[in-house]
Each structure stands twice: as structure tokens, then as C-alpha cells.
Amino acid sequence: MKMILTAVTIGLLANPLVAQDQAVTYPYDGSFDDATFAVENAIIGKGLVIDHISHTGDMLARTAEDVGSDIEIFRAADVFLFCSAVVSRKVMEADPLNIAHCPYSIFVTDTAGAVAIGYPTYPEGPMQEVQAFLDEITQSALEGF
């Protein structure tokens, strides 16, 4: 029984986790700082420009008391925002309302010491190309760019 539980746990860690169909996340075997460095380099390595890095974890920690909370959601969390002219043009030519999904994002979280890298899921159709593109960048970060 113990071997089965171990095998199931290893299988879950090796595969992406989908959070209520909102995002795909992968566990990262390393520190938060290493993960953010890997994501940044994977995005830049695709020839893309990072428009903004949102330090969401810092904001949540800084404002917790102001909103009456003492719950630590993340030890750290950053969201990288960027766009691809090639992919964006393709999906927006298919449907101009796909602008609602731009810019694209990849996030890094540290939740109670568990570091993960992920990205939002997108609707069926042309936006699946964006989702595949984000997965490609994420895999590159997981592999050490």
C-alpha cells in the first residue's frame, strides 16, 4: 500500500496540476528565486519582452492587515506579463475579442515552501495555440531554459 501511495504521489508531482480549470501548474524543484530566474530567461529566450512583473505575493502580504486578514496565501508570488506579436496577431485575426486574453502571463508561487510555475488556461479554439506556447515556455523554465 505504501508503494502505491508513493507511486501516485510521484505521478502527481511529475504531471501538471489543473486548478479548477483556471490554470495549469507544475511543481518546481528549486527555490522561488531560481524559478523566477528560469521563467524570466525562458521568456526572453523566446525573443519576447517582459512588459511587467507583478509582485502579487508582496502586495498580498503588505495589505493583509489592512483588509483584516492574517492568512499567508503565498510566501512569494510573481506574475510575468508579456506578449508575442506573432501568436497574438494569429489569434486576434481569428477573433478580435481574443484581445481580452492579452497580455499573456506565467506565474511563480511559493506556497508553504512548495514552488510552482504555471499559467492560465484558455478557451477552446484559437487560444489553445497560446496555451501551448505558454506550456512550451514553462517547460523550458522547468528544464533550466
Protein backbone atom coordinates (compact mmCIF):
# COMPACT_ATOMS: atom_id res chain seq x y z
CA MET A 1 0.00 0.00 0.00
CA LYS A 2 2.82 2.38 0.89
CA MET A 3 4.45 1.75 -2.50
CA ILE A 4 1.17 2.55 -4.28
CA LEU A 5 0.79 5.84 -2.40
CA THR A 6 4.39 6.74 -3.19
CA ALA A 7 3.87 5.96 -6.88
CA VAL A 8 0.68 8.03 -7.00
CA THR A 9 2.40 10.95 -5.25
CA ILE A 10 5.35 10.84 -7.66
CA GLY A 11 2.94 10.67 -10.60
CA LEU A 12 1.06 13.73 -9.39
CA LEU A 13 4.26 15.71 -8.96
CA ALA A 14 5.51 14.82 -12.43
CA ASN A 15 2.31 15.88 -14.17
CA PRO A 16 0.71 19.28 -14.42
CA LEU A 17 -1.93 20.16 -11.89
CA VAL A 18 -5.05 21.91 -13.11
CA ALA A 19 -6.66 24.21 -10.55
CA GLN A 20 -10.41 24.20 -11.23
CA ASP A 21 -9.77 24.64 -14.95
CA GLN A 22 -8.30 28.09 -14.25
CA ALA A 23 -4.61 27.33 -14.50
CA VAL A 24 -2.02 24.69 -15.22
CA THR A 25 0.74 24.43 -12.62
CA TYR A 26 3.91 22.38 -12.42
CA PRO A 27 5.95 21.83 -9.28
CA TYR A 28 9.43 23.37 -9.46
CA ASP A 29 12.34 21.58 -7.84
CA GLY A 30 14.22 24.58 -6.52
CA SER A 31 13.86 27.92 -4.81
CA PHE A 32 11.40 30.67 -5.68
CA ASP A 33 14.28 32.91 -6.81
CA ASP A 34 15.62 30.15 -9.07
CA ALA A 35 12.15 29.62 -10.54
CA THR A 36 11.63 33.32 -11.30
CA PHE A 37 15.08 33.49 -12.88
CA ALA A 38 14.26 30.44 -15.00
CA VAL A 39 10.91 31.86 -16.14
CA GLU A 40 12.41 35.24 -16.97
CA ASN A 41 15.14 33.61 -19.03
CA ALA A 42 12.71 31.26 -20.77
CA ILE A 43 10.52 34.20 -21.84
CA ILE A 44 13.49 36.27 -23.00
CA GLY A 45 14.94 33.18 -24.68
CA LYS A 46 11.89 33.13 -26.96
CA GLY A 47 12.76 36.66 -28.08
CA LEU A 48 9.94 38.19 -26.05
CA VAL A 49 9.94 41.29 -23.88
CA ILE A 50 8.54 41.14 -20.36
CA ASP A 51 6.15 44.09 -20.06
CA HIS A 52 5.71 43.85 -16.31
CA ILE A 53 6.43 41.66 -13.32
CA SER A 54 3.62 41.84 -10.80
CA HIS A 55 4.84 41.07 -7.27
CA THR A 56 1.47 39.75 -6.19
CA GLY A 57 2.79 37.91 -3.16
CA ASP A 58 4.35 41.10 -1.79
CA MET A 59 1.11 43.01 -2.34
CA LEU A 60 -0.96 40.38 -0.53
CA ALA A 61 1.46 40.33 2.41
CA ARG A 62 1.63 44.12 2.56
CA THR A 63 -2.16 44.58 2.54
CA ALA A 64 -3.25 41.60 4.67
CA GLU A 65 -3.64 43.60 7.86
CA ASP A 66 -5.41 46.44 6.01
CA VAL A 67 -8.11 44.04 4.81
CA GLY A 68 -8.40 42.26 8.17
CA SER A 69 -6.57 39.05 7.34
CA ASP A 70 -3.70 37.21 8.96
CA ILE A 71 -3.59 34.37 6.41
CA GLU A 72 -0.39 33.90 4.42
CA ILE A 73 -1.53 32.84 0.96
CA PHE A 74 1.95 32.74 -0.58
CA ARG A 75 5.43 33.06 0.81
CA ALA A 76 6.14 34.68 -2.55
CA ALA A 77 4.30 35.05 -5.86
CA ASP A 78 5.24 36.86 -9.06
CA VAL A 79 3.35 37.12 -12.35
CA PHE A 80 5.26 37.78 -15.58
CA LEU A 81 3.25 39.65 -18.25
CA PHE A 82 4.32 39.59 -21.89
CA CYS A 83 3.03 39.26 -25.43
CA SER A 84 4.06 37.64 -28.68
CA ALA A 85 3.36 39.69 -31.79
CA VAL A 86 3.24 36.55 -33.95
CA VAL A 87 0.92 34.50 -31.74
CA SER A 88 -1.22 37.49 -30.75
CA ARG A 89 -1.81 38.54 -34.35
CA LYS A 90 -2.78 35.00 -35.30
CA VAL A 91 -5.34 34.54 -32.51
CA MET A 92 -6.75 38.06 -32.87
CA GLU A 93 -7.13 37.70 -36.63
CA ALA A 94 -9.19 34.59 -35.85
CA ASP A 95 -11.28 36.57 -33.34
CA PRO A 96 -10.54 40.18 -32.41
CA LEU A 97 -12.11 39.61 -28.97
CA ASN A 98 -9.14 37.40 -28.10
CA ILE A 99 -7.59 40.73 -27.11
CA ALA A 100 -9.29 40.04 -23.76
CA HIS A 101 -6.59 37.43 -23.07
CA CYS A 102 -3.62 39.70 -23.79
CA PRO A 103 -1.06 40.13 -22.33
CA TYR A 104 -0.21 36.54 -21.52
CA SER A 105 1.13 35.51 -18.15
CA ILE A 106 3.22 32.92 -16.41
CA PHE A 107 3.31 32.90 -12.63
CA VAL A 108 5.65 31.54 -9.99
CA THR A 109 4.39 30.79 -6.49
CA ASP A 110 5.83 29.60 -3.21
CA THR A 111 3.05 28.16 -1.09
CA ALA A 112 4.32 26.87 2.26
CA GLY A 113 7.66 26.00 0.69
CA ALA A 114 6.25 24.33 -2.43
CA VAL A 115 7.38 26.28 -5.50
CA ALA A 116 5.32 26.04 -8.69
CA ILE A 117 5.27 27.56 -12.16
CA GLY A 118 2.02 27.95 -14.06
CA TYR A 119 -0.15 29.80 -16.50
CA PRO A 120 -3.89 30.38 -17.03
CA THR A 121 -5.96 28.09 -19.20
CA TYR A 122 -7.72 29.44 -22.27
CA PRO A 123 -10.95 28.61 -24.12
CA GLU A 124 -11.11 26.04 -26.87
CA GLY A 125 -10.31 27.28 -30.36
CA PRO A 126 -7.51 29.63 -31.43
CA MET A 127 -6.45 30.43 -27.85
CA GLN A 128 -5.23 26.86 -27.45
CA GLU A 129 -2.22 27.93 -29.52
CA VAL A 130 -1.42 30.50 -26.81
CA GLN A 131 -1.86 27.86 -24.12
CA ALA A 132 0.53 25.52 -25.95
CA PHE A 133 3.00 28.41 -26.34
CA LEU A 134 2.84 29.16 -22.59
CA ASP A 135 3.37 25.49 -21.83
CA GLU A 136 6.42 25.45 -24.10
CA ILE A 137 7.92 28.42 -22.25
CA THR A 138 7.05 26.87 -18.88
CA GLN A 139 8.66 23.56 -19.85
CA SER A 140 11.78 25.45 -20.88
CA ALA A 141 11.89 27.12 -17.44
CA LEU A 142 11.37 23.77 -15.71
CA GLU A 143 14.24 22.27 -17.69
CA GLY A 144 16.56 25.13 -16.82
CA PHE A 145 15.93 27.15 -20.01
